[in-house]
Amino acid sequence: MPTFDYRADDAQGRPCKGRLEADSPRHARQLLRERGLWPRDVSEIRVAAGTKSSLGSGRLSAADLALLTLQLSTLVQAGLPLEEALDAVAKQSAKRRVAGLLSAVRSRVMEGHALATALAQFPRAFPELFRATVAAGERSGHLGHVLEQLAAYTQARQASRQKIQMALVYPAILMLASVLIVGFLLGYVVPDVVKIFVDSGQALPWLTRALISASDGLRSHGLMLLGVIAMVVGLWRWSLRQPTWQLRWHRLMLNLPVIGEVLRAMEAARFASTLAILGKSAVPLVDALEIAAAVIGNLTIRARMADVARSVREGGTLTRGLELSGDIPPMMLHMIASGERAGELDRMLARAAEQQESSLAARIALVVSLFEPAMLVLMGGVVLLIVLAILLPILSLNQLVN
């Protein structure tokens, strides 16, 4: 049944808006009049077959996805039919885009589609991991419990991402402030100060001459420099959309001294946590491995994890495949091996993911704690060079006067 957005006036003439389902716009206006409302505008939310609506074509943030999943799991576990639960969550949402997306999903469910099939029409909003887990919950008959696990998983991933982002905020601000301060000194302060020495006609120290050259170059070609930087950034972003260059860049990132280790740990934690939630939802191991491999962001590691899924499909053990890939830390391998032997792979995968995320958070905190004083020392060194370049001619003038 189509869904309509409406704007109307109540009996007291106060404006109101909302969403309702009806067979046609005329039927929608009739339903509004029966409620004592005077319709002013009625528009249908269109979702054509094989296409996405403008409301549901974008991505959902991790916070929005976790919230609607938790609300939906609570209502489904309370015994509410799925279409009524979807309608209730859509009405509770304060964001129009999220409400429209849930209404579109509900319309497909009411047409007879399974929830996972309805979610598949919006792949950018609902990732493959989410859809596969929902499909497993529908097959097992424990959709509410599976949705609850999904909500907890999504919230944990969001919390981990926010922790990393917050740890990187201060170093980023410090770096930006350093660049702006040095640029301001070279562009506006230094030229006025060194002009006195240039007019005096005396021979200037090499550090002062270098500073004057840098200042003149920044003032004369500053806009060109910004244009070159913007062009390089645009070219780099374009290369990331090309499969060949993207694969080379991801391979290069893994070979960097500190960043490579952090990326491996991050992808290992993501792989283990994804595999754990899929295993708890009764998704077959081979299918779970393929989905968990697709979730990995680094293409090089993703290809190796796809090889692990292929080896398990051919009869190999998970531990042996992960060991050959070389991307899983030894501690995680031991935990996964013990879980595979004891028949508690899902639980051990979850514990391994938690341990790896804790270790990753500690490693990132250590890197950030080292980066902050390094930036301060670097900024202090640059300012010291600028001060020396200004003081050396002053000392030379004093010597000439004496």
Protein backbone atom coordinates (compact mmCIF):
# COMPACT_ATOMS: atom_id res chain seq x y z
CA MET A 1 0.00 0.00 0.00
CA PRO A 2 1.46 3.40 -0.94
CA THR A 3 2.65 5.79 1.77
CA PHE A 4 1.82 9.51 1.71
CA ASP A 5 3.27 12.54 3.45
CA TYR A 6 0.66 15.13 4.31
CA ARG A 7 0.32 18.68 5.61
CA ALA A 8 -3.04 19.64 7.05
CA ASP A 9 -4.90 21.92 9.45
CA ASP A 10 -6.78 20.61 12.46
CA ALA A 11 -10.20 21.79 13.69
CA GLN A 12 -8.60 24.80 15.45
CA GLY A 13 -6.71 25.79 12.29
CA ARG A 14 -3.30 24.72 13.61
CA PRO A 15 -0.93 23.22 11.01
CA CYS A 16 0.15 19.61 11.38
CA LYS A 17 2.01 17.06 9.30
CA GLY A 18 2.55 13.33 9.25
CA ARG A 19 2.51 10.14 7.22
CA LEU A 20 -0.26 7.65 6.45
CA GLU A 21 -1.00 4.77 4.11
CA ALA A 22 -3.81 4.83 1.58
CA ASP A 23 -4.78 3.37 -1.78
CA SER A 24 -4.56 6.72 -3.60
CA PRO A 25 -4.14 10.44 -2.91
CA ARG A 26 -7.92 10.79 -2.93
CA HIS A 27 -8.24 8.01 -0.35
CA ALA A 28 -5.53 9.71 1.75
CA ARG A 29 -7.45 13.01 1.73
CA GLN A 30 -10.63 11.14 2.70
CA LEU A 31 -8.86 9.48 5.64
CA LEU A 32 -7.57 12.86 6.79
CA ARG A 33 -11.07 14.38 6.69
CA GLU A 34 -12.36 11.44 8.73
CA ARG A 35 -9.77 12.33 11.35
CA GLY A 36 -11.05 15.91 11.45
CA LEU A 37 -8.12 17.34 9.46
CA TRP A 38 -8.27 19.65 6.45
CA PRO A 39 -5.59 18.48 3.98
CA ARG A 40 -3.44 21.13 2.31
CA ASP A 41 -0.80 18.95 0.63
CA VAL A 42 -0.61 15.17 0.06
CA SER A 43 2.41 13.64 -1.70
CA GLU A 44 3.25 9.99 -2.27
CA ILE A 45 6.63 8.50 -1.29
CA ARG A 46 7.52 6.67 -4.47
CA VAL A 47 9.83 3.66 -4.51
CA ALA A 48 9.90 2.09 -7.95
CA ALA A 49 10.96 -1.53 -8.44
CA GLY A 50 14.72 -1.88 -8.68
CA THR A 51 15.32 1.77 -7.72
CA LYS A 52 15.88 3.66 -4.51
CA SER A 53 13.91 6.60 -3.24
CA SER A 54 15.59 9.91 -2.60
CA LEU A 55 14.89 9.40 1.09
CA GLY A 56 16.57 6.01 1.26
CA SER A 57 19.32 6.27 -1.30
CA GLY A 58 21.89 7.68 1.11
CA ARG A 59 23.82 6.02 3.87
CA LEU A 60 22.62 5.68 7.43
CA SER A 61 25.00 6.73 10.16
CA ALA A 62 26.07 4.06 12.62
CA ALA A 63 24.16 5.86 15.39
CA ASP A 64 20.90 5.95 13.38
CA LEU A 65 21.29 2.31 12.34
CA ALA A 66 21.96 1.18 15.91
CA LEU A 67 18.99 3.17 17.26
CA LEU A 68 16.42 1.90 14.77
CA THR A 69 17.74 -1.67 15.11
CA LEU A 70 17.41 -1.54 18.90
CA GLN A 71 13.89 -0.10 18.69
CA LEU A 72 12.86 -2.70 16.13
CA SER A 73 14.28 -5.59 18.18
CA THR A 74 12.43 -4.39 21.30
CA LEU A 75 9.09 -4.22 19.48
CA VAL A 76 9.56 -7.56 17.69
CA GLN A 77 10.53 -9.33 20.93
CA ALA A 78 7.43 -7.81 22.54
CA GLY A 79 5.30 -9.74 20.05
CA LEU A 80 4.37 -6.90 17.71
CA PRO A 81 4.00 -7.89 14.04
CA LEU A 82 6.90 -6.84 11.87
CA GLU A 83 4.97 -4.36 9.73
CA GLU A 84 3.52 -2.68 12.82
CA ALA A 85 6.98 -2.54 14.42
CA LEU A 86 8.40 -0.90 11.31
CA ASP A 87 5.56 1.61 11.26
CA ALA A 88 6.05 2.45 14.95
CA VAL A 89 9.82 2.96 14.54
CA ALA A 90 9.21 5.14 11.45
CA LYS A 91 6.78 7.35 13.36
CA GLN A 92 9.17 7.65 16.33
CA SER A 93 12.08 8.76 14.15
CA ALA A 94 12.76 12.48 14.27
CA LYS A 95 14.67 12.38 10.96
CA ARG A 96 12.54 12.52 7.84
CA ARG A 97 15.02 10.54 5.75
CA VAL A 98 15.13 7.64 8.22
CA ALA A 99 11.34 7.62 8.55
CA GLY A 100 10.90 7.57 4.77
CA LEU A 101 13.38 4.74 4.46
CA LEU A 102 11.58 2.61 7.05
CA SER A 103 8.22 3.36 5.41
CA ALA A 104 9.60 2.14 2.09
CA VAL A 105 10.90 -1.04 3.74
CA ARG A 106 7.52 -1.56 5.42
CA SER A 107 5.71 -1.20 2.10
CA ARG A 108 7.80 -4.01 0.63
CA VAL A 109 7.25 -6.20 3.68
CA MET A 110 3.48 -5.69 3.34
CA GLU A 111 3.78 -6.75 -0.31
CA GLY A 112 4.98 -10.15 0.90
CA HIS A 113 8.77 -9.73 0.79
CA ALA A 114 10.98 -10.93 3.61
CA LEU A 115 12.63 -8.23 5.70
CA ALA A 116 16.10 -9.08 4.40
CA THR A 117 14.82 -8.86 0.82
CA ALA A 118 13.24 -5.47 1.53
CA LEU A 119 16.46 -4.21 3.09
CA ALA A 120 18.41 -5.39 0.04
CA GLN A 121 16.69 -2.67 -2.01
CA PHE A 122 18.72 -0.13 -0.01
CA PRO A 123 22.28 -1.54 0.08
CA ARG A 124 23.90 1.79 0.97
CA ALA A 125 21.72 2.18 4.06
CA PHE A 126 21.87 -1.45 5.19
CA PRO A 127 25.28 -3.14 4.68
CA GLU A 128 25.67 -6.74 3.57
CA LEU A 129 26.54 -7.81 7.11
CA PHE A 130 23.27 -6.33 8.39
CA ARG A 131 21.16 -7.98 5.67
CA ALA A 132 22.80 -11.39 6.03
CA THR A 133 22.31 -11.37 9.79
CA VAL A 134 18.65 -10.37 9.44
CA ALA A 135 18.12 -13.16 6.88
CA ALA A 136 19.64 -15.68 9.29
CA GLY A 137 17.38 -14.42 12.07
CA GLU A 138 14.31 -14.80 9.86
CA ARG A 139 15.30 -18.36 8.93
CA SER A 140 15.88 -19.34 12.56
CA GLY A 141 12.72 -17.66 13.85
CA HIS A 142 14.66 -15.53 16.38
CA LEU A 143 14.58 -12.22 14.54
CA GLY A 144 14.16 -10.13 17.69
CA HIS A 145 17.20 -11.66 19.40
CA VAL A 146 19.31 -11.32 16.25
CA LEU A 147 18.30 -7.66 15.88
CA GLU A 148 19.31 -7.06 19.48
CA GLN A 149 22.75 -8.54 18.79
CA LEU A 150 23.02 -6.40 15.68
CA ALA A 151 22.19 -3.26 17.66
CA ALA A 152 24.83 -4.08 20.26
CA TYR A 153 27.39 -4.79 17.53
CA THR A 154 26.62 -1.54 15.70
CA GLN A 155 26.83 0.49 18.92
CA ALA A 156 30.15 -1.13 19.83
CA ARG A 157 31.58 -0.38 16.38
CA GLN A 158 30.39 3.23 16.60
CA ALA A 159 31.89 3.64 20.08
CA SER A 160 35.22 2.23 18.89
CA ARG A 161 35.24 4.53 15.84
CA GLN A 162 34.42 7.58 17.96
CA LYS A 163 37.19 6.71 20.41
CA ILE A 164 39.74 6.62 17.58
CA GLN A 165 38.40 9.83 16.03
CA MET A 166 38.51 11.67 19.36
CA ALA A 167 42.10 10.52 19.88
CA LEU A 168 43.07 12.02 16.52
CA VAL A 169 41.26 15.34 16.93
CA TYR A 170 43.88 17.07 19.08
CA PRO A 171 46.89 16.11 16.91
CA ALA A 172 45.02 17.26 13.80
CA ILE A 173 44.19 20.62 15.40
CA LEU A 174 47.79 20.96 16.56
CA MET A 175 49.14 20.28 13.07
CA LEU A 176 46.70 22.73 11.48
CA ALA A 177 47.57 25.42 14.04
CA SER A 178 51.29 24.89 13.40
CA VAL A 179 50.89 25.31 9.64
CA LEU A 180 48.75 28.44 10.06
CA ILE A 181 51.12 30.05 12.57
CA VAL A 182 54.23 29.41 10.45
CA GLY A 183 52.42 30.62 7.33
CA PHE A 184 51.33 33.80 9.12
CA LEU A 185 54.86 34.47 10.35
CA LEU A 186 56.40 33.95 6.92
CA GLY A 187 53.72 35.85 5.05
CA TYR A 188 53.15 38.92 7.24
CA VAL A 189 55.57 39.24 10.16
CA VAL A 190 58.94 38.32 8.66
CA PRO A 191 58.82 40.67 5.61
CA ASP A 192 58.27 43.78 7.78
CA VAL A 193 61.02 42.80 10.20
CA VAL A 194 63.73 41.87 7.71
CA LYS A 195 63.02 44.91 5.52
CA ILE A 196 65.18 46.96 7.88
CA PHE A 197 68.16 44.68 7.34
CA VAL A 198 67.69 44.60 3.57
CA ASP A 199 67.64 48.42 3.41
CA SER A 200 70.83 48.64 5.50
CA GLY A 201 72.81 47.08 2.64
CA GLN A 202 74.91 44.82 4.90
CA ALA A 203 75.64 41.20 4.10
CA LEU A 204 72.97 39.01 5.65
CA PRO A 205 73.53 35.56 7.17
CA TRP A 206 72.53 32.59 5.03
CA LEU A 207 69.68 31.69 7.42
CA THR A 208 68.19 35.16 7.05
CA ARG A 209 68.52 35.03 3.25
CA ALA A 210 66.81 31.65 3.20
CA LEU A 211 64.01 33.00 5.38
CA ILE A 212 63.56 36.01 3.08
CA SER A 213 63.42 33.73 0.05
CA ALA A 214 60.82 31.49 1.71
CA SER A 215 58.75 34.49 2.73
CA ASP A 216 58.91 36.05 -0.76
CA GLY A 217 58.03 32.76 -2.37
CA LEU A 218 55.05 32.28 -0.07
CA ARG A 219 53.76 35.80 -0.72
CA SER A 220 54.27 35.60 -4.48
CA HIS A 221 53.17 32.04 -5.14
CA GLY A 222 50.91 31.28 -2.18
CA LEU A 223 47.77 30.93 -4.26
CA MET A 224 49.59 28.80 -6.81
CA LEU A 225 50.87 26.58 -4.01
CA LEU A 226 47.34 26.13 -2.66
CA GLY A 227 46.16 25.28 -6.18
CA VAL A 228 48.91 22.69 -6.59
CA ILE A 229 48.05 21.15 -3.22
CA ALA A 230 44.35 21.03 -4.16
CA MET A 231 45.21 19.45 -7.50
CA VAL A 232 47.41 16.82 -5.84
CA VAL A 233 44.66 15.99 -3.33
CA GLY A 234 42.10 15.74 -6.14
CA LEU A 235 44.41 13.52 -8.19
CA TRP A 236 45.02 11.33 -5.15
CA ARG A 237 41.28 10.96 -4.50
CA TRP A 238 40.70 10.14 -8.16
CA SER A 239 43.42 7.46 -8.05
CA LEU A 240 41.71 5.89 -5.02
CA ARG A 241 38.64 5.27 -7.19
CA GLN A 242 40.74 3.37 -9.75
CA PRO A 243 41.02 -0.33 -8.77
CA THR A 244 44.68 -0.68 -9.78
CA TRP A 245 45.91 2.43 -7.97
CA GLN A 246 43.67 1.73 -4.99
CA LEU A 247 45.22 -1.72 -4.61
CA ARG A 248 48.74 -0.23 -4.82
CA TRP A 249 47.91 2.41 -2.24
CA HIS A 250 46.46 -0.15 0.18
CA ARG A 251 49.53 -2.35 -0.27
CA LEU A 252 51.79 0.63 0.39
CA MET A 253 49.87 1.54 3.56
CA LEU A 254 50.45 -1.95 4.96
CA ASN A 255 54.21 -1.64 4.41
CA LEU A 256 54.55 1.61 6.37
CA PRO A 257 56.33 1.11 9.73
CA VAL A 258 53.71 2.16 12.31
CA ILE A 259 50.60 2.78 10.22
CA GLY A 260 50.78 -0.70 8.68
CA GLU A 261 50.68 -2.42 12.07
CA VAL A 262 47.76 -0.27 13.21
CA LEU A 263 45.82 -1.01 10.00
CA ARG A 264 46.41 -4.76 10.34
CA ALA A 265 45.21 -4.71 13.93
CA MET A 266 42.15 -2.65 12.99
CA GLU A 267 41.16 -4.95 10.13
CA ALA A 268 41.77 -8.05 12.27
CA ALA A 269 39.45 -6.73 14.99
CA ARG A 270 36.78 -5.85 12.40
CA PHE A 271 37.06 -9.29 10.78
CA ALA A 272 36.81 -11.17 14.08
CA SER A 273 33.87 -9.14 15.42
CA THR A 274 31.97 -9.48 12.13
CA LEU A 275 32.59 -13.22 12.03
CA ALA A 276 31.43 -13.53 15.65
CA ILE A 277 28.09 -11.73 15.12
CA LEU A 278 27.41 -13.77 11.98
CA GLY A 279 28.24 -17.01 13.78
CA LYS A 280 25.93 -16.15 16.69
CA SER A 281 23.17 -15.52 14.16
CA ALA A 282 23.56 -19.07 12.75
CA VAL A 283 25.07 -17.97 9.44
CA PRO A 284 27.11 -20.84 7.93
CA LEU A 285 30.86 -20.43 8.45
CA VAL A 286 31.79 -20.24 4.77
CA ASP A 287 29.13 -17.62 4.05
CA ALA A 288 30.15 -15.72 7.18
CA LEU A 289 33.78 -15.73 6.06
CA GLU A 290 32.85 -14.31 2.64
CA ILE A 291 30.75 -11.56 4.22
CA ALA A 292 33.41 -10.76 6.83
CA ALA A 293 36.01 -10.55 4.07
CA ALA A 294 33.81 -8.11 2.14
CA VAL A 295 33.53 -5.86 5.23
CA ILE A 296 37.33 -5.36 5.37
CA GLY A 297 38.39 -1.99 3.99
CA ASN A 298 41.95 -2.78 2.88
CA LEU A 299 41.82 -4.51 -0.51
CA THR A 300 45.03 -6.48 0.04
CA ILE A 301 43.82 -8.00 3.30
CA ARG A 302 40.34 -8.49 1.78
CA ALA A 303 41.81 -10.61 -1.02
CA ARG A 304 43.73 -12.77 1.45
CA MET A 305 40.63 -13.27 3.61
CA ALA A 306 38.69 -14.29 0.50
CA ASP A 307 41.38 -16.93 -0.02
CA VAL A 308 40.79 -18.09 3.57
CA ALA A 309 37.07 -18.48 2.85
CA ARG A 310 37.92 -20.45 -0.29
CA SER A 311 40.26 -22.77 1.64
CA VAL A 312 37.62 -23.40 4.32
CA ARG A 313 35.06 -24.16 1.61
CA GLU A 314 37.49 -26.73 0.21
CA GLY A 315 37.77 -28.45 3.58
CA GLY A 316 40.62 -26.65 5.36
CA THR A 317 40.50 -25.36 8.93
CA LEU A 318 39.86 -21.74 9.76
CA THR A 319 42.96 -21.45 11.95
CA ARG A 320 45.26 -22.80 9.24
CA GLY A 321 43.83 -20.46 6.63
CA LEU A 322 44.19 -17.41 8.88
CA GLU A 323 47.74 -18.44 9.78
CA LEU A 324 48.72 -18.62 6.12
CA SER A 325 47.19 -15.20 5.43
CA GLY A 326 49.61 -13.56 7.88
CA ASP A 327 47.19 -10.76 8.82
CA ILE A 328 45.92 -12.11 12.17
CA PRO A 329 48.07 -11.54 15.29
CA PRO A 330 49.38 -14.68 17.04
CA MET A 331 47.28 -14.14 20.18
CA MET A 332 44.08 -14.01 18.13
CA LEU A 333 45.16 -17.14 16.25
CA HIS A 334 45.61 -19.04 19.52
CA MET A 335 42.19 -17.96 20.77
CA ILE A 336 40.49 -18.86 17.48
CA ALA A 337 42.26 -22.24 17.42
CA SER A 338 41.14 -23.05 20.96
CA GLY A 339 37.57 -22.02 20.14
CA GLU A 340 37.60 -24.15 16.99
CA ARG A 341 38.82 -27.20 18.93
CA ALA A 342 36.31 -26.71 21.77
CA GLY A 343 33.35 -25.98 19.48
CA GLU A 344 32.98 -22.44 20.87
CA LEU A 345 34.28 -20.53 17.89
CA ASP A 346 31.71 -17.72 18.12
CA ARG A 347 32.46 -16.92 21.74
CA MET A 348 36.22 -17.03 21.25
CA LEU A 349 35.96 -14.85 18.15
CA ALA A 350 34.05 -12.26 20.17
CA ARG A 351 36.66 -12.37 22.96
CA ALA A 352 39.48 -12.14 20.43
CA ALA A 353 37.84 -9.11 18.82
CA GLU A 354 37.43 -7.38 22.20
CA GLN A 355 41.05 -8.11 23.14
CA GLN A 356 42.30 -6.86 19.79
CA GLU A 357 40.23 -3.66 19.97
CA SER A 358 41.57 -2.95 23.47
CA SER A 359 45.12 -3.52 22.26
CA LEU A 360 44.45 -1.33 19.22
CA ALA A 361 43.08 1.50 21.38
CA ALA A 362 46.17 1.34 23.60
CA ARG A 363 48.47 1.37 20.55
CA ILE A 364 46.69 4.35 19.01
CA ALA A 365 46.86 6.19 22.33
CA LEU A 366 50.61 5.52 22.45
CA VAL A 367 51.13 6.78 18.89
CA VAL A 368 49.07 9.90 19.58
CA SER A 369 50.91 10.54 22.84
CA LEU A 370 54.21 10.42 20.92
CA PHE A 371 52.88 12.51 18.04
CA GLU A 372 51.80 15.44 20.22
CA PRO A 373 55.24 16.26 21.72
CA ALA A 374 56.84 15.61 18.30
CA MET A 375 54.57 18.25 16.75
CA LEU A 376 55.36 20.67 19.58
CA VAL A 377 59.12 20.12 19.13
CA LEU A 378 58.82 20.54 15.36
CA MET A 379 56.78 23.72 15.70
CA GLY A 380 59.22 25.06 18.31
CA GLY A 381 62.15 24.26 16.01
CA VAL A 382 60.59 26.14 13.08
CA VAL A 383 59.83 29.17 15.27
CA LEU A 384 63.40 29.02 16.66
CA LEU A 385 64.81 29.13 13.13
CA ILE A 386 62.65 32.16 12.34
CA VAL A 387 63.78 33.92 15.53
CA LEU A 388 67.44 33.12 14.81
CA ALA A 389 67.11 34.42 11.25
CA ILE A 390 65.88 37.73 12.69
CA LEU A 391 68.34 37.94 15.60
CA LEU A 392 71.51 37.20 13.64
CA PRO A 393 71.38 40.47 11.60
CA ILE A 394 70.61 42.40 14.81
CA LEU A 395 73.72 40.97 16.45
CA SER A 396 75.73 41.85 13.34
CA LEU A 397 74.48 45.47 13.52
CA ASN A 398 75.46 45.70 17.18
CA GLN A 399 78.95 44.48 16.36
CA LEU A 400 79.27 47.08 13.59
CA VAL A 401 78.14 49.86 15.94
CA ASN A 402 80.58 48.77 18.63
